C-alpha atoms as a PDB file:
ATOM      1  CA  UNK A   1      17.607   4.783 -17.972  1.00  0.00           C
ATOM      2  CA  UNK A   2      17.643   5.441 -14.249  1.00  0.00           C
ATOM      3  CA  UNK A   3      16.611   8.952 -13.260  1.00  0.00           C
ATOM      4  CA  UNK A   4      19.191  10.693 -11.106  1.00  0.00           C
ATOM      5  CA  UNK A   5      19.353  13.874  -9.115  1.00  0.00           C
ATOM      6  CA  UNK A   6      22.113  16.459  -9.419  1.00  0.00           C
ATOM      7  CA  UNK A   7      23.904  14.690  -6.607  1.00  0.00           C
ATOM      8  CA  UNK A   8      24.023  11.518  -8.693  1.00  0.00           C
ATOM      9  CA  UNK A   9      21.582   9.589  -6.528  1.00  0.00           C
ATOM     10  CA  UNK A  10      18.453   7.852  -7.843  1.00  0.00           C
ATOM     11  CA  UNK A  11      15.465  10.172  -7.865  1.00  0.00           C
ATOM     12  CA  UNK A  12      12.905   9.127  -5.260  1.00  0.00           C
ATOM     13  CA  UNK A  13       9.434   8.761  -6.815  1.00  0.00           C
ATOM     14  CA  UNK A  14       7.032  11.511  -5.826  1.00  0.00           C
ATOM     15  CA  UNK A  15       4.372   8.991  -4.868  1.00  0.00           C
ATOM     16  CA  UNK A  16       0.657   9.045  -5.737  1.00  0.00           C
ATOM     17  CA  UNK A  17      -0.568  12.456  -6.938  1.00  0.00           C
ATOM     18  CA  UNK A  18      -2.313  14.742  -4.465  1.00  0.00           C
ATOM     19  CA  UNK A  19      -5.778  15.585  -5.818  1.00  0.00           C
ATOM     20  CA  UNK A  20      -7.961  18.675  -5.510  1.00  0.00           C
ATOM     21  CA  UNK A  21     -11.367  18.401  -3.764  1.00  0.00           C
ATOM     22  CA  UNK A  22     -13.339  18.014  -7.006  1.00  0.00           C
ATOM     23  CA  UNK A  23     -10.876  15.389  -8.227  1.00  0.00           C
ATOM     24  CA  UNK A  24     -11.165  13.508  -4.937  1.00  0.00           C
ATOM     25  CA  UNK A  25     -14.951  13.377  -5.215  1.00  0.00           C
ATOM     26  CA  UNK A  26     -14.658  12.148  -8.796  1.00  0.00           C
ATOM     27  CA  UNK A  27     -12.160   9.497  -7.677  1.00  0.00           C
ATOM     28  CA  UNK A  28     -14.574   8.306  -5.004  1.00  0.00           C
ATOM     29  CA  UNK A  29     -17.382   7.965  -7.538  1.00  0.00           C
ATOM     30  CA  UNK A  30     -15.119   6.074  -9.924  1.00  0.00           C
ATOM     31  CA  UNK A  31     -14.184   3.615  -7.204  1.00  0.00           C
ATOM     32  CA  UNK A  32     -17.730   3.022  -6.005  1.00  0.00           C
ATOM     33  CA  UNK A  33     -18.981   2.587  -9.579  1.00  0.00           C
ATOM     34  CA  UNK A  34     -16.231   0.117 -10.457  1.00  0.00           C
ATOM     35  CA  UNK A  35     -16.486  -3.602  -9.671  1.00  0.00           C
ATOM     36  CA  UNK A  36     -13.970  -5.041  -7.267  1.00  0.00           C
ATOM     37  CA  UNK A  37     -11.191  -7.252  -8.565  1.00  0.00           C
ATOM     38  CA  UNK A  38     -11.643 -10.993  -8.417  1.00  0.00           C
ATOM     39  CA  UNK A  39     -10.046 -11.977  -5.118  1.00  0.00           C
ATOM     40  CA  UNK A  40      -8.161 -15.274  -4.961  1.00  0.00           C
ATOM     41  CA  UNK A  41      -8.050 -17.684  -2.054  1.00  0.00           C
ATOM     42  CA  UNK A  42      -5.100 -16.059  -0.283  1.00  0.00           C
ATOM     43  CA  UNK A  43      -6.661 -12.602  -0.528  1.00  0.00           C
ATOM     44  CA  UNK A  44      -9.965 -13.880   0.812  1.00  0.00           C
ATOM     45  CA  UNK A  45      -8.138 -15.512   3.732  1.00  0.00           C
ATOM     46  CA  UNK A  46      -6.457 -12.207   4.592  1.00  0.00           C
ATOM     47  CA  UNK A  47      -9.751 -10.317   4.426  1.00  0.00           C
ATOM     48  CA  UNK A  48     -11.468 -12.980   6.514  1.00  0.00           C
ATOM     49  CA  UNK A  49      -8.761 -12.750   9.165  1.00  0.00           C
ATOM     50  CA  UNK A  50      -9.088  -8.961   9.411  1.00  0.00           C
ATOM     51  CA  UNK A  51     -12.891  -9.190   9.532  1.00  0.00           C
ATOM     52  CA  UNK A  52     -12.726 -11.720  12.372  1.00  0.00           C
ATOM     53  CA  UNK A  53     -10.348  -9.517  14.347  1.00  0.00           C
ATOM     54  CA  UNK A  54     -11.875  -6.086  13.648  1.00  0.00           C
ATOM     55  CA  UNK A  55     -15.400  -6.600  12.291  1.00  0.00           C
ATOM     56  CA  UNK A  56     -16.775  -6.574   8.767  1.00  0.00           C
ATOM     57  CA  UNK A  57     -17.414  -2.830   8.545  1.00  0.00           C
ATOM     58  CA  UNK A  58     -14.736  -0.212   7.848  1.00  0.00           C
ATOM     59  CA  UNK A  59     -13.569   2.162  10.571  1.00  0.00           C
ATOM     60  CA  UNK A  60     -10.537   4.110  11.738  1.00  0.00           C
ATOM     61  CA  UNK A  61      -9.129   1.384  14.001  1.00  0.00           C
ATOM     62  CA  UNK A  62      -9.577  -1.243  11.299  1.00  0.00           C
ATOM     63  CA  UNK A  63      -7.957   1.073   8.758  1.00  0.00           C
ATOM     64  CA  UNK A  64      -4.952   1.426  11.068  1.00  0.00           C
ATOM     65  CA  UNK A  65      -4.587  -2.345  11.168  1.00  0.00           C
ATOM     66  CA  UNK A  66      -4.994  -2.630   7.392  1.00  0.00           C
ATOM     67  CA  UNK A  67      -2.263  -0.042   6.885  1.00  0.00           C
ATOM     68  CA  UNK A  68       0.019  -1.890   9.292  1.00  0.00           C
ATOM     69  CA  UNK A  69      -0.419  -4.968   7.107  1.00  0.00           C
ATOM     70  CA  UNK A  70      -0.359  -3.085   3.778  1.00  0.00           C
ATOM     71  CA  UNK A  71       3.346  -2.180   4.141  1.00  0.00           C
ATOM     72  CA  UNK A  72       4.349  -5.838   4.255  1.00  0.00           C
ATOM     73  CA  UNK A  73       4.574  -6.829   0.567  1.00  0.00           C
ATOM     74  CA  UNK A  74       6.684  -3.779  -0.217  1.00  0.00           C
ATOM     75  CA  UNK A  75       9.062  -4.705   2.581  1.00  0.00           C
ATOM     76  CA  UNK A  76       9.235  -8.262   1.232  1.00  0.00           C
ATOM     77  CA  UNK A  77       9.860  -7.085  -2.325  1.00  0.00           C
ATOM     78  CA  UNK A  78      12.587  -4.738  -1.112  1.00  0.00           C
ATOM     79  CA  UNK A  79      14.298  -7.636   0.649  1.00  0.00           C
ATOM     80  CA  UNK A  80      14.185  -9.799  -2.478  1.00  0.00           C
ATOM     81  CA  UNK A  81      15.493  -6.898  -4.530  1.00  0.00           C
ATOM     82  CA  UNK A  82      18.588  -6.585  -2.353  1.00  0.00           C
ATOM     83  CA  UNK A  83      19.168 -10.335  -2.617  1.00  0.00           C
ATOM     84  CA  UNK A  84      19.035  -9.973  -6.396  1.00  0.00           C
ATOM     85  CA  UNK A  85      21.513  -7.086  -6.258  1.00  0.00           C
ATOM     86  CA  UNK A  86      23.922  -9.185  -4.215  1.00  0.00           C
ATOM     87  CA  UNK A  87      23.687 -11.994  -6.733  1.00  0.00           C
ATOM     88  CA  UNK A  88      24.055  -9.829  -9.857  1.00  0.00           C
ATOM     89  CA  UNK A  89      26.195  -6.973  -8.525  1.00  0.00           C
ATOM     90  CA  UNK A  90      28.687  -7.328 -11.407  1.00  0.00           C
ATOM     91  CA  UNK A  91      26.020  -6.749 -14.070  1.00  0.00           C
ATOM     92  CA  UNK A  92      25.649  -2.980 -13.980  1.00  0.00           C
ATOM     93  CA  UNK A  93      22.656  -2.605 -16.333  1.00  0.00           C
ATOM     94  CA  UNK A  94      20.695  -5.294 -14.538  1.00  0.00           C
ATOM     95  CA  UNK A  95      21.678  -3.996 -11.105  1.00  0.00           C
ATOM     96  CA  UNK A  96      20.540  -0.491 -12.081  1.00  0.00           C
ATOM     97  CA  UNK A  97      17.170  -1.807 -13.242  1.00  0.00           C
ATOM     98  CA  UNK A  98      16.670  -3.773 -10.045  1.00  0.00           C
ATOM     99  CA  UNK A  99      17.698  -0.838  -7.871  1.00  0.00           C
ATOM    100  CA  UNK A 100      15.233   1.431  -9.668  1.00  0.00           C
ATOM    101  CA  UNK A 101      12.507  -1.011  -8.692  1.00  0.00           C
ATOM    102  CA  UNK A 102      13.732  -1.123  -5.082  1.00  0.00           C
ATOM    103  CA  UNK A 103      13.539   2.683  -4.899  1.00  0.00           C
ATOM    104  CA  UNK A 104       9.964   2.624  -6.252  1.00  0.00           C
ATOM    105  CA  UNK A 105       9.007  -0.145  -3.837  1.00  0.00           C
ATOM    106  CA  UNK A 106      10.424   1.817  -0.919  1.00  0.00           C
ATOM    107  CA  UNK A 107       8.391   4.871  -1.927  1.00  0.00           C
ATOM    108  CA  UNK A 108       5.194   2.795  -1.905  1.00  0.00           C
ATOM    109  CA  UNK A 109       6.102   1.399   1.494  1.00  0.00           C
ATOM    110  CA  UNK A 110       6.689   4.913   2.839  1.00  0.00           C
ATOM    111  CA  UNK A 111       3.317   6.060   1.490  1.00  0.00           C
ATOM    112  CA  UNK A 112       1.599   3.215   3.359  1.00  0.00           C
ATOM    113  CA  UNK A 113       3.555   4.196   6.479  1.00  0.00           C
ATOM    114  CA  UNK A 114       2.102   7.708   6.344  1.00  0.00           C
ATOM    115  CA  UNK A 115      -1.372   6.187   6.049  1.00  0.00           C
ATOM    116  CA  UNK A 116      -0.696   4.169   9.195  1.00  0.00           C
ATOM    117  CA  UNK A 117       0.564   7.190  11.134  1.00  0.00           C
ATOM    118  CA  UNK A 118      -2.470   9.229  10.078  1.00  0.00           C
ATOM    119  CA  UNK A 119      -4.902   6.491  11.127  1.00  0.00           C
ATOM    120  CA  UNK A 120      -3.167   6.026  14.468  1.00  0.00           C
ATOM    121  CA  UNK A 121      -3.329   9.775  15.077  1.00  0.00           C
ATOM    122  CA  UNK A 122      -7.060   9.837  14.295  1.00  0.00           C
ATOM    123  CA  UNK A 123      -7.670   6.840  16.555  1.00  0.00           C
ATOM    124  CA  UNK A 124      -5.872   8.531  19.448  1.00  0.00           C
ATOM    125  CA  UNK A 125      -7.696  11.820  18.885  1.00  0.00           C
ATOM    126  CA  UNK A 126     -11.006   9.977  18.903  1.00  0.00           C
ATOM    127  CA  UNK A 127     -10.156   8.087  22.073  1.00  0.00           C
ATOM    128  CA  UNK A 128     -10.643   4.773  20.289  1.00  0.00           C
ATOM    129  CA  UNK A 129      -9.539   1.816  22.392  1.00  0.00           C
ATOM    130  CA  UNK A 130      -6.867  -0.509  20.960  1.00  0.00           C
ATOM    131  CA  UNK A 131      -6.272  -3.633  23.007  1.00  0.00           C
ATOM    132  CA  UNK A 132      -2.803  -5.281  22.994  1.00  0.00           C
ATOM    133  CA  UNK A 133      -4.158  -8.601  21.700  1.00  0.00           C
ATOM    134  CA  UNK A 134      -6.309  -7.313  18.852  1.00  0.00           C
ATOM    135  CA  UNK A 135      -4.209  -4.346  17.857  1.00  0.00           C
ATOM    136  CA  UNK A 136      -0.643  -5.516  18.421  1.00  0.00           C
ATOM    137  CA  UNK A 137      -0.489  -9.299  18.436  1.00  0.00           C
ATOM    138  CA  UNK A 138      -3.173 -10.009  15.827  1.00  0.00           C
ATOM    139  CA  UNK A 139      -1.893  -7.576  13.144  1.00  0.00           C
ATOM    140  CA  UNK A 140       1.666  -8.803  13.724  1.00  0.00           C
ATOM    141  CA  UNK A 141       0.575 -12.402  13.104  1.00  0.00           C
ATOM    142  CA  UNK A 142      -1.332 -11.464   9.948  1.00  0.00           C
ATOM    143  CA  UNK A 143       1.566  -9.327   8.720  1.00  0.00           C
ATOM    144  CA  UNK A 144       4.050 -12.125   9.465  1.00  0.00           C
ATOM    145  CA  UNK A 145       2.038 -14.521   7.297  1.00  0.00           C
ATOM    146  CA  UNK A 146       1.551 -11.945   4.529  1.00  0.00           C
ATOM    147  CA  UNK A 147       5.242 -11.011   4.481  1.00  0.00           C
ATOM    148  CA  UNK A 148       6.485 -14.560   3.999  1.00  0.00           C
ATOM    149  CA  UNK A 149       3.843 -15.377   1.418  1.00  0.00           C
ATOM    150  CA  UNK A 150       4.723 -12.197  -0.523  1.00  0.00           C
ATOM    151  CA  UNK A 151       8.459 -12.817  -0.803  1.00  0.00           C
ATOM    152  CA  UNK A 152       8.054 -16.550  -1.453  1.00  0.00           C
ATOM    153  CA  UNK A 153       5.584 -15.917  -4.267  1.00  0.00           C
ATOM    154  CA  UNK A 154       7.858 -13.229  -5.698  1.00  0.00           C
ATOM    155  CA  UNK A 155      10.673 -15.777  -5.942  1.00  0.00           C
ATOM    156  CA  UNK A 156       8.707 -18.714  -7.350  1.00  0.00           C
ATOM    157  CA  UNK A 157       5.794 -17.002  -9.117  1.00  0.00           C
ATOM    158  CA  UNK A 158       6.121 -13.204  -9.141  1.00  0.00           C
ATOM    159  CA  UNK A 159       2.797 -12.567 -10.877  1.00  0.00           C
ATOM    160  CA  UNK A 160       0.985 -14.207  -7.958  1.00  0.00           C
ATOM    161  CA  UNK A 161       2.704 -11.874  -5.467  1.00  0.00           C
ATOM    162  CA  UNK A 162       1.717  -8.782  -7.453  1.00  0.00           C
ATOM    163  CA  UNK A 163      -1.821 -10.103  -7.954  1.00  0.00           C
ATOM    164  CA  UNK A 164      -2.225 -10.653  -4.212  1.00  0.00           C
ATOM    165  CA  UNK A 165      -1.074  -7.112  -3.452  1.00  0.00           C
ATOM    166  CA  UNK A 166      -3.366  -5.682  -6.132  1.00  0.00           C
ATOM    167  CA  UNK A 167      -6.287  -7.463  -4.461  1.00  0.00           C
ATOM    168  CA  UNK A 168      -5.337  -6.090  -1.031  1.00  0.00           C
ATOM    169  CA  UNK A 169      -5.003  -2.547  -2.371  1.00  0.00           C
ATOM    170  CA  UNK A 170      -8.271  -2.823  -4.316  1.00  0.00           C
ATOM    171  CA  UNK A 171     -10.024  -3.933  -1.138  1.00  0.00           C
ATOM    172  CA  UNK A 172      -8.545  -0.993   0.804  1.00  0.00           C
ATOM    173  CA  UNK A 173      -9.480   1.485  -1.947  1.00  0.00           C
ATOM    174  CA  UNK A 174     -13.116   0.403  -1.878  1.00  0.00           C
ATOM    175  CA  UNK A 175     -13.233   0.320   1.929  1.00  0.00           C
ATOM    176  CA  UNK A 176     -12.031   3.916   2.263  1.00  0.00           C
ATOM    177  CA  UNK A 177     -14.394   5.264  -0.373  1.00  0.00           C
ATOM    178  CA  UNK A 178     -17.354   3.306   1.017  1.00  0.00           C
ATOM    179  CA  UNK A 179     -16.594   4.607   4.514  1.00  0.00           C
ATOM    180  CA  UNK A 180     -16.746   8.210   3.307  1.00  0.00           C
ATOM    181  CA  UNK A 181     -20.019   7.547   1.479  1.00  0.00           C
ATOM    182  CA  UNK A 182     -21.542   6.012   4.616  1.00  0.00           C
ATOM    183  CA  UNK A 183     -20.427   8.896   6.875  1.00  0.00           C
ATOM    184  CA  UNK A 184     -21.448  12.269   5.378  1.00  0.00           C
ATOM    185  CA  UNK A 185     -20.543  13.951   8.669  1.00  0.00           C
ATOM    186  CA  UNK A 186     -16.899  13.559   7.660  1.00  0.00           C
ATOM    187  CA  UNK A 187     -17.455  16.380   5.162  1.00  0.00           C
ATOM    188  CA  UNK A 188     -17.815  18.783   8.122  1.00  0.00           C
ATOM    189  CA  UNK A 189     -14.929  17.461  10.208  1.00  0.00           C
ATOM    190  CA  UNK A 190     -11.577  19.228   9.665  1.00  0.00           C
ATOM    191  CA  UNK A 191      -8.396  17.438   8.805  1.00  0.00           C
ATOM    192  CA  UNK A 192      -6.211  17.836  11.935  1.00  0.00           C
ATOM    193  CA  UNK A 193      -3.169  18.114   9.684  1.00  0.00           C
ATOM    194  CA  UNK A 194      -0.794  16.358  12.069  1.00  0.00           C
ATOM    195  CA  UNK A 195       1.288  15.163   9.119  1.00  0.00           C
ATOM    196  CA  UNK A 196       0.390  17.990   6.734  1.00  0.00           C
ATOM    197  CA  UNK A 197       4.042  18.767   6.022  1.00  0.00           C
ATOM    198  CA  UNK A 198       4.636  15.215   4.835  1.00  0.00           C
ATOM    199  CA  UNK A 199       1.256  14.228   3.404  1.00  0.00           C
ATOM    200  CA  UNK A 200      -0.654  17.452   2.713  1.00  0.00           C
ATOM    201  CA  UNK A 201      -3.604  19.166   4.361  1.00  0.00           C
ATOM    202  CA  UNK A 202      -7.162  18.545   3.177  1.00  0.00           C
ATOM    203  CA  UNK A 203     -10.421  20.469   3.373  1.00  0.00           C
ATOM    204  CA  UNK A 204     -12.081  17.782   5.502  1.00  0.00           C
ATOM    205  CA  UNK A 205     -11.616  14.305   6.907  1.00  0.00           C
ATOM    206  CA  UNK A 206     -13.705  13.083   3.980  1.00  0.00           C
ATOM    207  CA  UNK A 207     -11.120  14.400   1.524  1.00  0.00           C
ATOM    208  CA  UNK A 208      -8.281  12.964   3.608  1.00  0.00           C
ATOM    209  CA  UNK A 209      -9.858   9.507   3.431  1.00  0.00           C
ATOM    210  CA  UNK A 210     -10.549   9.934  -0.283  1.00  0.00           C
ATOM    211  CA  UNK A 211      -6.898  10.796  -0.888  1.00  0.00           C
ATOM    212  CA  UNK A 212      -5.752   7.691   0.963  1.00  0.00           C
ATOM    213  CA  UNK A 213      -8.241   5.613  -1.003  1.00  0.00           C
ATOM    214  CA  UNK A 214      -6.881   7.053  -4.231  1.00  0.00           C
ATOM    215  CA  UNK A 215      -3.334   6.252  -3.107  1.00  0.00           C
ATOM    216  CA  UNK A 216      -4.417   2.628  -2.722  1.00  0.00           C
ATOM    217  CA  UNK A 217      -5.748   2.704  -6.279  1.00  0.00           C
ATOM    218  CA  UNK A 218      -2.381   3.919  -7.543  1.00  0.00           C
ATOM    219  CA  UNK A 219      -0.617   1.098  -5.688  1.00  0.00           C
ATOM    220  CA  UNK A 220      -3.107  -1.382  -7.122  1.00  0.00           C
ATOM    221  CA  UNK A 221      -2.513  -0.161 -10.670  1.00  0.00           C
ATOM    222  CA  UNK A 222       1.250  -0.398 -10.188  1.00  0.00           C
ATOM    223  CA  UNK A 223       0.918  -4.020  -9.072  1.00  0.00           C
ATOM    224  CA  UNK A 224      -1.357  -4.793 -12.015  1.00  0.00           C
ATOM    225  CA  UNK A 225       1.232  -3.255 -14.362  1.00  0.00           C
ATOM    226  CA  UNK A 226       3.890  -5.467 -12.759  1.00  0.00           C
ATOM    227  CA  UNK A 227       1.814  -8.521 -13.673  1.00  0.00           C
ATOM    228  CA  UNK A 228       2.712  -7.835 -17.292  1.00  0.00           C
ATOM    229  CA  UNK A 229       6.359  -7.074 -16.539  1.00  0.00           C
ATOM    230  CA  UNK A 230       7.501  -8.450 -13.155  1.00  0.00           C
ATOM    231  CA  UNK A 231      10.593  -6.265 -13.067  1.00  0.00           C
ATOM    232  CA  UNK A 232      11.804  -7.091  -9.593  1.00  0.00           C
ATOM    233  CA  UNK A 233      11.682 -10.875  -9.945  1.00  0.00           C
ATOM    234  CA  UNK A 234      12.941 -11.269 -13.513  1.00  0.00           C
ATOM    235  CA  UNK A 235      16.628 -11.314 -12.560  1.00  0.00           C
ATOM    236  CA  UNK A 236      16.070 -14.322 -10.290  1.00  0.00           C
ATOM    237  CA  UNK A 237      15.531 -16.472 -13.355  1.00  0.00           C
ATOM    238  CA  UNK A 238      18.241 -14.939 -15.521  1.00  0.00           C
ATOM    239  CA  UNK A 239      21.543 -16.807 -15.831  1.00  0.00           C
ATOM    240  CA  UNK A 240      24.571 -15.178 -14.326  1.00  0.00           C
ATOM    241  CA  UNK A 241      27.267 -14.000 -16.698  1.00  0.00           C
END
């Protein structure tokens, strides 16, 4: 059954949980101790493209570009969801189920948007240069490709779309946690808290990065769960009544 607020509107998911410092350190250890997912050809192509444009090592500017791209599958899934609603608008139970998934997808997209805003803020504070070609044109081209692949796979083979996103989120999770491990000075740098009201304030930049890395894990696990029950795409194959 769809959760609703007192106003009768669908309840917006709260998003990934915000962890305490000890929990964030434990989450980092869990990530670094865990093997990465097996990345398919499309995922490896995406990672290769970002490495060519921004280098193989993690960093704030590269994270900003990854977050720009990370929103894309959720935008594509939202679009497909609305197409499904238009097609099956007379089937209330099905429409409700699809809309629930759209709401969840939008919440994940918004979470990635906050990551992007945080990374851009840190890049500007650090005076990190972002050229128009590498940091506007290149991410747009990668995102354009990723967007169309995501919605096309969702229509013809939904599990492949979710698997690709899980790989991207797994990669991001490991990159954030590895970056913190490689830069112990982040433990002493304060979180500027520019978006504290929307995302929370953390004891250090290290904890801020750990939280974002944990968010990526939550997104990954959601995509892996959708592999077993591709909720958003199921209605595309169901006959109309």
